[in-house]
Each structure stands twice: as C-alpha cells, then as structure tokens.
Amino acid sequence: MRNSKRKQLHNRSVTSNLRRVEKEFRAVIAAGKQDEAAKLLPGVHSAYDKAVKVGVVKRPTANRKKSRLALALARK
C-alpha cells in the first residue's frame, strides 16, 4: 500500500470520528441535556487537539470549532 493511500485512510478515519463526536455533542445540546453536554465537551476538545497533533486539522480551525461548541453549550 502506498504511503499516500495509507495516510488518506488514517486521515479519513480521524475526520469521520471528529464529525461523529461533534454530531453527538450537538444532539445532546439540542435535547436540552446540559449536564451531559458539559461532560462531553472535554472529550470533543481532546479529539480536536489530537487531530491537530497528527496534522489532520489545522490549529486555527480546531480552535474555532472548539470555541463555537463551547458557545453553543453556554447559550442553551
């Protein structure tokens, strides 16, 4: 397997995991479960930080997403 294909598969799995985690977090917020959402937020932040560490997401993008998710939690 070529390196580019291997990296593409890894990046795709990291990206889909980010989407899944964010979608679950937003669903919990929409359901009005503030306490549960507050417990999930550090996990979402950690997932974005790990994605930055391996180079799948750029640092400013991750910071923007984390900030908007925290704002979404604070607004509800």
PDB file of N, CA and C in Angstrom:
ATOM      1  N   MET A   1       0.846  -1.180   0.000  1.00  0.00           N
ATOM      2  CA  MET A   1       0.000   0.000   0.000  1.00  0.00           C
ATOM      3  C   MET A   1       0.891   1.243   0.000  1.00  0.00           C
ATOM      4  N   ARG A   2       0.551   2.155  -0.866  1.00  0.00           N
ATOM      5  CA  ARG A   2       1.324   3.388  -0.954  1.00  0.00           C
ATOM      6  C   ARG A   2       1.113   4.247   0.292  1.00  0.00           C
ATOM      7  N   ASN A   3       2.145   4.998   0.624  1.00  0.00           N
ATOM      8  CA  ASN A   3       2.067   5.856   1.799  1.00  0.00           C
ATOM      9  C   ASN A   3       0.898   6.829   1.721  1.00  0.00           C
ATOM     10  N   SER A   4       0.676   7.396   0.538  1.00  0.00           N
ATOM     11  CA  SER A   4      -0.391   8.387   0.405  1.00  0.00           C
ATOM     12  C   SER A   4      -1.757   7.753   0.677  1.00  0.00           C
ATOM     13  N   LYS A   5      -1.952   6.535   0.210  1.00  0.00           N
ATOM     14  CA  LYS A   5      -3.229   5.851   0.424  1.00  0.00           C
ATOM     15  C   LYS A   5      -3.405   5.514   1.907  1.00  0.00           C
ATOM     16  N   ARG A   6      -2.336   5.081   2.551  1.00  0.00           N
ATOM     17  CA  ARG A   6      -2.387   4.748   3.973  1.00  0.00           C
ATOM     18  C   ARG A   6      -2.715   5.994   4.790  1.00  0.00           C
ATOM     19  N   LYS A   7      -2.067   7.107   4.456  1.00  0.00           N
ATOM     20  CA  LYS A   7      -2.326   8.355   5.174  1.00  0.00           C
ATOM     21  C   LYS A   7      -3.732   8.860   4.916  1.00  0.00           C
ATOM     22  N   GLN A   8      -4.209   8.673   3.691  1.00  0.00           N
ATOM     23  CA  GLN A   8      -5.570   9.105   3.357  1.00  0.00           C
ATOM     24  C   GLN A   8      -6.587   8.334   4.204  1.00  0.00           C
ATOM     25  N   LEU A   9      -6.382   7.030   4.344  1.00  0.00           N
ATOM     26  CA  LEU A   9      -7.295   6.220   5.150  1.00  0.00           C
ATOM     27  C   LEU A   9      -7.269   6.658   6.614  1.00  0.00           C
ATOM     28  N   HIS A  10      -6.081   6.929   7.128  1.00  0.00           N
ATOM     29  CA  HIS A  10      -5.956   7.367   8.516  1.00  0.00           C
ATOM     30  C   HIS A  10      -6.635   8.714   8.717  1.00  0.00           C
ATOM     31  N   ASN A  11      -6.371   9.649   7.794  1.00  0.00           N
ATOM     32  CA  ASN A  11      -6.970  10.979   7.902  1.00  0.00           C
ATOM     33  C   ASN A  11      -8.491  10.907   7.814  1.00  0.00           C
ATOM     34  N   ARG A  12      -8.988  10.035   6.961  1.00  0.00           N
ATOM     35  CA  ARG A  12     -10.436   9.895   6.811  1.00  0.00           C
ATOM     36  C   ARG A  12     -11.064   9.368   8.094  1.00  0.00           C
ATOM     37  N   SER A  13     -10.401   8.418   8.743  1.00  0.00           N
ATOM     38  CA  SER A  13     -10.957   7.870   9.984  1.00  0.00           C
ATOM     39  C   SER A  13     -10.954   8.922  11.091  1.00  0.00           C
ATOM     40  N   VAL A  14      -9.893   9.727  11.162  1.00  0.00           N
ATOM     41  CA  VAL A  14      -9.828  10.791  12.172  1.00  0.00           C
ATOM     42  C   VAL A  14     -10.919  11.823  11.906  1.00  0.00           C
ATOM     43  N   THR A  15     -11.097  12.206  10.647  1.00  0.00           N
ATOM     44  CA  THR A  15     -12.100  13.200  10.287  1.00  0.00           C
ATOM     45  C   THR A  15     -13.508  12.703  10.575  1.00  0.00           C
ATOM     46  N   SER A  16     -13.774  11.447  10.246  1.00  0.00           N
ATOM     47  CA  SER A  16     -15.118  10.923  10.494  1.00  0.00           C
ATOM     48  C   SER A  16     -15.383  10.807  11.995  1.00  0.00           C
ATOM     49  N   ASN A  17     -14.350  10.496  12.762  1.00  0.00           N
ATOM     50  CA  ASN A  17     -14.504  10.461  14.215  1.00  0.00           C
ATOM     51  C   ASN A  17     -14.834  11.850  14.754  1.00  0.00           C
ATOM     52  N   LEU A  18     -14.171  12.872  14.233  1.00  0.00           N
ATOM     53  CA  LEU A  18     -14.466  14.248  14.651  1.00  0.00           C
ATOM     54  C   LEU A  18     -15.911  14.607  14.350  1.00  0.00           C
ATOM     55  N   ARG A  19     -16.355  14.270  13.153  1.00  0.00           N
ATOM     56  CA  ARG A  19     -17.743  14.560  12.780  1.00  0.00           C
ATOM     57  C   ARG A  19     -18.717  13.851  13.702  1.00  0.00           C
ATOM     58  N   ARG A  20     -18.423  12.585  14.011  1.00  0.00           N
ATOM     59  CA  ARG A  20     -19.306  11.798  14.869  1.00  0.00           C
ATOM     60  C   ARG A  20     -19.382  12.399  16.272  1.00  0.00           C
ATOM     61  N   VAL A  21     -18.232  12.748  16.833  1.00  0.00           N
ATOM     62  CA  VAL A  21     -18.187  13.294  18.188  1.00  0.00           C
ATOM     63  C   VAL A  21     -18.930  14.629  18.252  1.00  0.00           C
ATOM     64  N   GLU A  22     -18.711  15.484  17.238  1.00  0.00           N
ATOM     65  CA  GLU A  22     -19.380  16.788  17.226  1.00  0.00           C
ATOM     66  C   GLU A  22     -20.888  16.621  17.057  1.00  0.00           C
ATOM     67  N   LYS A  23     -21.283  15.691  16.215  1.00  0.00           N
ATOM     68  CA  LYS A  23     -22.715  15.459  15.977  1.00  0.00           C
ATOM     69  C   LYS A  23     -23.402  14.959  17.254  1.00  0.00           C
ATOM     70  N   GLU A  24     -22.743  14.057  17.969  1.00  0.00           N
ATOM     71  CA  GLU A  24     -23.298  13.558  19.231  1.00  0.00           C
ATOM     72  C   GLU A  24     -23.428  14.698  20.240  1.00  0.00           C
ATOM     73  N   PHE A  25     -22.408  15.553  20.315  1.00  0.00           N
ATOM     74  CA  PHE A  25     -22.426  16.680  21.248  1.00  0.00           C
ATOM     75  C   PHE A  25     -23.575  17.626  20.923  1.00  0.00           C
ATOM     76  N   ARG A  26     -23.728  17.956  19.654  1.00  0.00           N
ATOM     77  CA  ARG A  26     -24.804  18.868  19.256  1.00  0.00           C
ATOM     78  C   ARG A  26     -26.182  18.248  19.482  1.00  0.00           C
ATOM     79  N   ALA A  27     -26.296  16.945  19.324  1.00  0.00           N
ATOM     80  CA  ALA A  27     -27.571  16.270  19.573  1.00  0.00           C
ATOM     81  C   ALA A  27     -27.943  16.340  21.051  1.00  0.00           C
ATOM     82  N   VAL A  28     -26.955  16.183  21.919  1.00  0.00           N
ATOM     83  CA  VAL A  28     -27.204  16.255  23.363  1.00  0.00           C
ATOM     84  C   VAL A  28     -27.633  17.672  23.744  1.00  0.00           C
ATOM     85  N   ILE A  29     -27.002  18.671  23.133  1.00  0.00           N
ATOM     86  CA  ILE A  29     -27.385  20.061  23.409  1.00  0.00           C
ATOM     87  C   ILE A  29     -28.814  20.311  22.931  1.00  0.00           C
ATOM     88  N   ALA A  30     -29.131  19.825  21.736  1.00  0.00           N
ATOM     89  CA  ALA A  30     -30.462  20.037  21.181  1.00  0.00           C
ATOM     90  C   ALA A  30     -31.534  19.364  22.037  1.00  0.00           C
ATOM     91  N   ALA A  31     -31.156  18.262  22.680  1.00  0.00           N
ATOM     92  CA  ALA A  31     -32.103  17.555  23.550  1.00  0.00           C
ATOM     93  C   ALA A  31     -32.270  18.261  24.890  1.00  0.00           C
ATOM     94  N   GLY A  32     -31.434  19.274  25.144  1.00  0.00           N
ATOM     95  CA  GLY A  32     -31.555  20.043  26.369  1.00  0.00           C
ATOM     96  C   GLY A  32     -30.871  19.422  27.572  1.00  0.00           C
ATOM     97  N   LYS A  33     -29.968  18.506  27.348  1.00  0.00           N
ATOM     98  CA  LYS A  33     -29.254  17.834  28.447  1.00  0.00           C
ATOM     99  C   LYS A  33     -27.938  18.555  28.713  1.00  0.00           C
ATOM    100  N   GLN A  34     -28.023  19.651  29.462  1.00  0.00           N
ATOM    101  CA  GLN A  34     -26.859  20.493  29.716  1.00  0.00           C
ATOM    102  C   GLN A  34     -25.757  19.775  30.484  1.00  0.00           C
ATOM    103  N   ASP A  35     -26.133  19.029  31.513  1.00  0.00           N
ATOM    104  CA  ASP A  35     -25.131  18.351  32.339  1.00  0.00           C
ATOM    105  C   ASP A  35     -24.345  17.330  31.528  1.00  0.00           C
ATOM    106  N   GLU A  36     -25.063  16.566  30.720  1.00  0.00           N
ATOM    107  CA  GLU A  36     -24.405  15.552  29.902  1.00  0.00           C
ATOM    108  C   GLU A  36     -23.510  16.210  28.848  1.00  0.00           C
ATOM    109  N   ALA A  37     -23.974  17.307  28.278  1.00  0.00           N
ATOM    110  CA  ALA A  37     -23.184  18.022  27.272  1.00  0.00           C
ATOM    111  C   ALA A  37     -21.914  18.589  27.899  1.00  0.00           C
ATOM    112  N   ALA A  38     -22.021  19.085  29.126  1.00  0.00           N
ATOM    113  CA  ALA A  38     -20.848  19.627  29.806  1.00  0.00           C
ATOM    114  C   ALA A  38     -19.808  18.541  30.053  1.00  0.00           C
ATOM    115  N   LYS A  39     -20.252  17.315  30.259  1.00  0.00           N
ATOM    116  CA  LYS A  39     -19.318  16.205  30.456  1.00  0.00           C
ATOM    117  C   LYS A  39     -18.683  15.774  29.133  1.00  0.00           C
ATOM    118  N   LEU A  40     -19.401  15.952  28.027  1.00  0.00           N
ATOM    119  CA  LEU A  40     -18.889  15.547  26.715  1.00  0.00           C
ATOM    120  C   LEU A  40     -17.904  16.560  26.126  1.00  0.00           C
ATOM    121  N   LEU A  41     -18.030  17.820  26.521  1.00  0.00           N
ATOM    122  CA  LEU A  41     -17.217  18.876  25.909  1.00  0.00           C
ATOM    123  C   LEU A  41     -15.702  18.632  25.997  1.00  0.00           C
ATOM    124  N   PRO A  42     -15.155  18.221  27.152  1.00  0.00           N
ATOM    125  CA  PRO A  42     -13.704  17.959  27.189  1.00  0.00           C
ATOM    126  C   PRO A  42     -13.271  16.860  26.216  1.00  0.00           C
ATOM    127  N   GLY A  43     -14.120  15.873  26.002  1.00  0.00           N
ATOM    128  CA  GLY A  43     -13.801  14.813  25.049  1.00  0.00           C
ATOM    129  C   GLY A  43     -13.756  15.327  23.623  1.00  0.00           C
ATOM    130  N   VAL A  44     -14.668  16.239  23.304  1.00  0.00           N
ATOM    131  CA  VAL A  44     -14.688  16.841  21.972  1.00  0.00           C
ATOM    132  C   VAL A  44     -13.434  17.687  21.775  1.00  0.00           C
ATOM    133  N   HIS A  45     -13.079  18.467  22.788  1.00  0.00           N
ATOM    134  CA  HIS A  45     -11.861  19.287  22.700  1.00  0.00           C
ATOM    135  C   HIS A  45     -10.636  18.402  22.525  1.00  0.00           C
ATOM    136  N   SER A  46     -10.591  17.312  23.251  1.00  0.00           N
ATOM    137  CA  SER A  46      -9.461  16.393  23.156  1.00  0.00           C
ATOM    138  C   SER A  46      -9.358  15.793  21.753  1.00  0.00           C
ATOM    139  N   ALA A  47     -10.497  15.440  21.178  1.00  0.00           N
ATOM    140  CA  ALA A  47     -10.492  14.863  19.828  1.00  0.00           C
ATOM    141  C   ALA A  47      -9.934  15.863  18.820  1.00  0.00           C
ATOM    142  N   TYR A  48     -10.336  17.132  18.937  1.00  0.00           N
ATOM    143  CA  TYR A  48      -9.811  18.146  18.029  1.00  0.00           C
ATOM    144  C   TYR A  48      -8.317  18.365  18.244  1.00  0.00           C
ATOM    145  N   ASP A  49      -7.871  18.374  19.500  1.00  0.00           N
ATOM    146  CA  ASP A  49      -6.449  18.563  19.774  1.00  0.00           C
ATOM    147  C   ASP A  49      -5.619  17.416  19.209  1.00  0.00           C
ATOM    148  N   LYS A  50      -6.130  16.204  19.303  1.00  0.00           N
ATOM    149  CA  LYS A  50      -5.413  15.049  18.751  1.00  0.00           C
ATOM    150  C   LYS A  50      -5.361  15.120  17.232  1.00  0.00           C
ATOM    151  N   ALA A  51      -6.441  15.591  16.615  1.00  0.00           N
ATOM    152  CA  ALA A  51      -6.453  15.737  15.160  1.00  0.00           C
ATOM    153  C   ALA A  51      -5.431  16.777  14.713  1.00  0.00           C
ATOM    154  N   VAL A  52      -5.255  17.831  15.510  1.00  0.00           N
ATOM    155  CA  VAL A  52      -4.243  18.839  15.197  1.00  0.00           C
ATOM    156  C   VAL A  52      -2.852  18.239  15.323  1.00  0.00           C
ATOM    157  N   LYS A  53      -2.675  17.431  16.364  1.00  0.00           N
ATOM    158  CA  LYS A  53      -1.362  16.843  16.622  1.00  0.00           C
ATOM    159  C   LYS A  53      -0.897  15.973  15.462  1.00  0.00           C
ATOM    160  N   VAL A  54      -1.806  15.239  14.849  1.00  0.00           N
ATOM    161  CA  VAL A  54      -1.420  14.368  13.738  1.00  0.00           C
ATOM    162  C   VAL A  54      -1.526  15.067  12.395  1.00  0.00           C
ATOM    163  N   GLY A  55      -1.968  16.335  12.388  1.00  0.00           N
ATOM    164  CA  GLY A  55      -1.956  17.126  11.162  1.00  0.00           C
ATOM    165  C   GLY A  55      -3.182  17.006  10.293  1.00  0.00           C
ATOM    166  N   VAL A  56      -4.261  16.453  10.807  1.00  0.00           N
ATOM    167  CA  VAL A  56      -5.473  16.307  10.001  1.00  0.00           C
ATOM    168  C   VAL A  56      -6.230  17.628   9.928  1.00  0.00           C
ATOM    169  N   VAL A  57      -6.211  18.383  11.026  1.00  0.00           N
ATOM    170  CA  VAL A  57      -6.907  19.664  11.101  1.00  0.00           C
ATOM    171  C   VAL A  57      -5.886  20.715  11.514  1.00  0.00           C
ATOM    172  N   LYS A  58      -6.014  21.900  10.944  1.00  0.00           N
ATOM    173  CA  LYS A  58      -5.094  22.979  11.318  1.00  0.00           C
ATOM    174  C   LYS A  58      -5.522  23.588  12.652  1.00  0.00           C
ATOM    175  N   ARG A  59      -4.555  24.120  13.388  1.00  0.00           N
ATOM    176  CA  ARG A  59      -4.797  24.658  14.728  1.00  0.00           C
ATOM    177  C   ARG A  59      -5.900  25.718  14.769  1.00  0.00           C
ATOM    178  N   PRO A  60      -5.902  26.725  13.874  1.00  0.00           N
ATOM    179  CA  PRO A  60      -6.970  27.730  13.961  1.00  0.00           C
ATOM    180  C   PRO A  60      -8.364  27.154  13.726  1.00  0.00           C
ATOM    181  N   THR A  61      -8.465  26.182  12.850  1.00  0.00           N
ATOM    182  CA  THR A  61      -9.753  25.544  12.582  1.00  0.00           C
ATOM    183  C   THR A  61     -10.244  24.821  13.823  1.00  0.00           C
ATOM    184  N   ALA A  62      -9.362  24.098  14.467  1.00  0.00           N
ATOM    185  CA  ALA A  62      -9.744  23.371  15.676  1.00  0.00           C
ATOM    186  C   ALA A  62     -10.147  24.341  16.783  1.00  0.00           C
ATOM    187  N   ASN A  63      -9.397  25.422  16.939  1.00  0.00           N
ATOM    188  CA  ASN A  63      -9.733  26.410  17.961  1.00  0.00           C
ATOM    189  C   ASN A  63     -11.093  27.042  17.696  1.00  0.00           C
ATOM    190  N   ARG A  64     -11.379  27.338  16.439  1.00  0.00           N
ATOM    191  CA  ARG A  64     -12.666  27.927  16.073  1.00  0.00           C
ATOM    192  C   ARG A  64     -13.809  26.968  16.385  1.00  0.00           C
ATOM    193  N   LYS A  65     -13.639  25.705  16.018  1.00  0.00           N
ATOM    194  CA  LYS A  65     -14.686  24.706  16.275  1.00  0.00           C
ATOM    195  C   LYS A  65     -14.909  24.531  17.770  1.00  0.00           C
ATOM    196  N   LYS A  66     -13.815  24.433  18.531  1.00  0.00           N
ATOM    197  CA  LYS A  66     -13.933  24.255  19.983  1.00  0.00           C
ATOM    198  C   LYS A  66     -14.638  25.444  20.610  1.00  0.00           C
ATOM    199  N   SER A  67     -14.306  26.640  20.152  1.00  0.00           N
ATOM    200  CA  SER A  67     -14.925  27.849  20.683  1.00  0.00           C
ATOM    201  C   SER A  67     -16.416  27.870  20.381  1.00  0.00           C
ATOM    202  N   ARG A  68     -16.799  27.528  19.186  1.00  0.00           N
ATOM    203  CA  ARG A  68     -18.213  27.560  18.806  1.00  0.00           C
ATOM    204  C   ARG A  68     -19.020  26.495  19.540  1.00  0.00           C
ATOM    205  N   LEU A  69     -18.396  25.358  19.798  1.00  0.00           N
ATOM    206  CA  LEU A  69     -19.098  24.317  20.559  1.00  0.00           C
ATOM    207  C   LEU A  69     -19.303  24.756  22.005  1.00  0.00           C
ATOM    208  N   ALA A  70     -18.289  25.394  22.578  1.00  0.00           N
ATOM    209  CA  ALA A  70     -18.418  25.897  23.950  1.00  0.00           C
ATOM    210  C   ALA A  70     -19.487  26.987  24.018  1.00  0.00           C
ATOM    211  N   LEU A  71     -19.541  27.842  23.007  1.00  0.00           N
ATOM    212  CA  LEU A  71     -20.579  28.873  22.957  1.00  0.00           C
ATOM    213  C   LEU A  71     -21.969  28.256  22.843  1.00  0.00           C
ATOM    214  N   ALA A  72     -22.087  27.208  22.047  1.00  0.00           N
ATOM    215  CA  ALA A  72     -23.377  26.540  21.883  1.00  0.00           C
ATOM    216  C   ALA A  72     -23.853  25.981  23.203  1.00  0.00           C
ATOM    217  N   LEU A  73     -22.919  25.453  23.986  1.00  0.00           N
ATOM    218  CA  LEU A  73     -23.272  24.926  25.312  1.00  0.00           C
ATOM    219  C   LEU A  73     -23.692  26.053  26.247  1.00  0.00           C
ATOM    220  N   ALA A  74     -22.987  27.170  26.200  1.00  0.00           N
ATOM    221  CA  ALA A  74     -23.281  28.292  27.097  1.00  0.00           C
ATOM    222  C   ALA A  74     -24.616  28.951  26.749  1.00  0.00           C
ATOM    223  N   ARG A  75     -24.987  28.938  25.490  1.00  0.00           N
ATOM    224  CA  ARG A  75     -26.228  29.601  25.054  1.00  0.00           C
ATOM    225  C   ARG A  75     -27.473  28.845  25.489  1.00  0.00           C
ATOM    226  N   LYS A  76     -27.375  27.549  25.601  1.00  0.00           N
ATOM    227  CA  LYS A  76     -28.567  26.747  25.927  1.00  0.00           C
ATOM    228  C   LYS A  76     -28.871  26.714  27.376  1.00  0.00           C
TER     229      LYS A  76
END
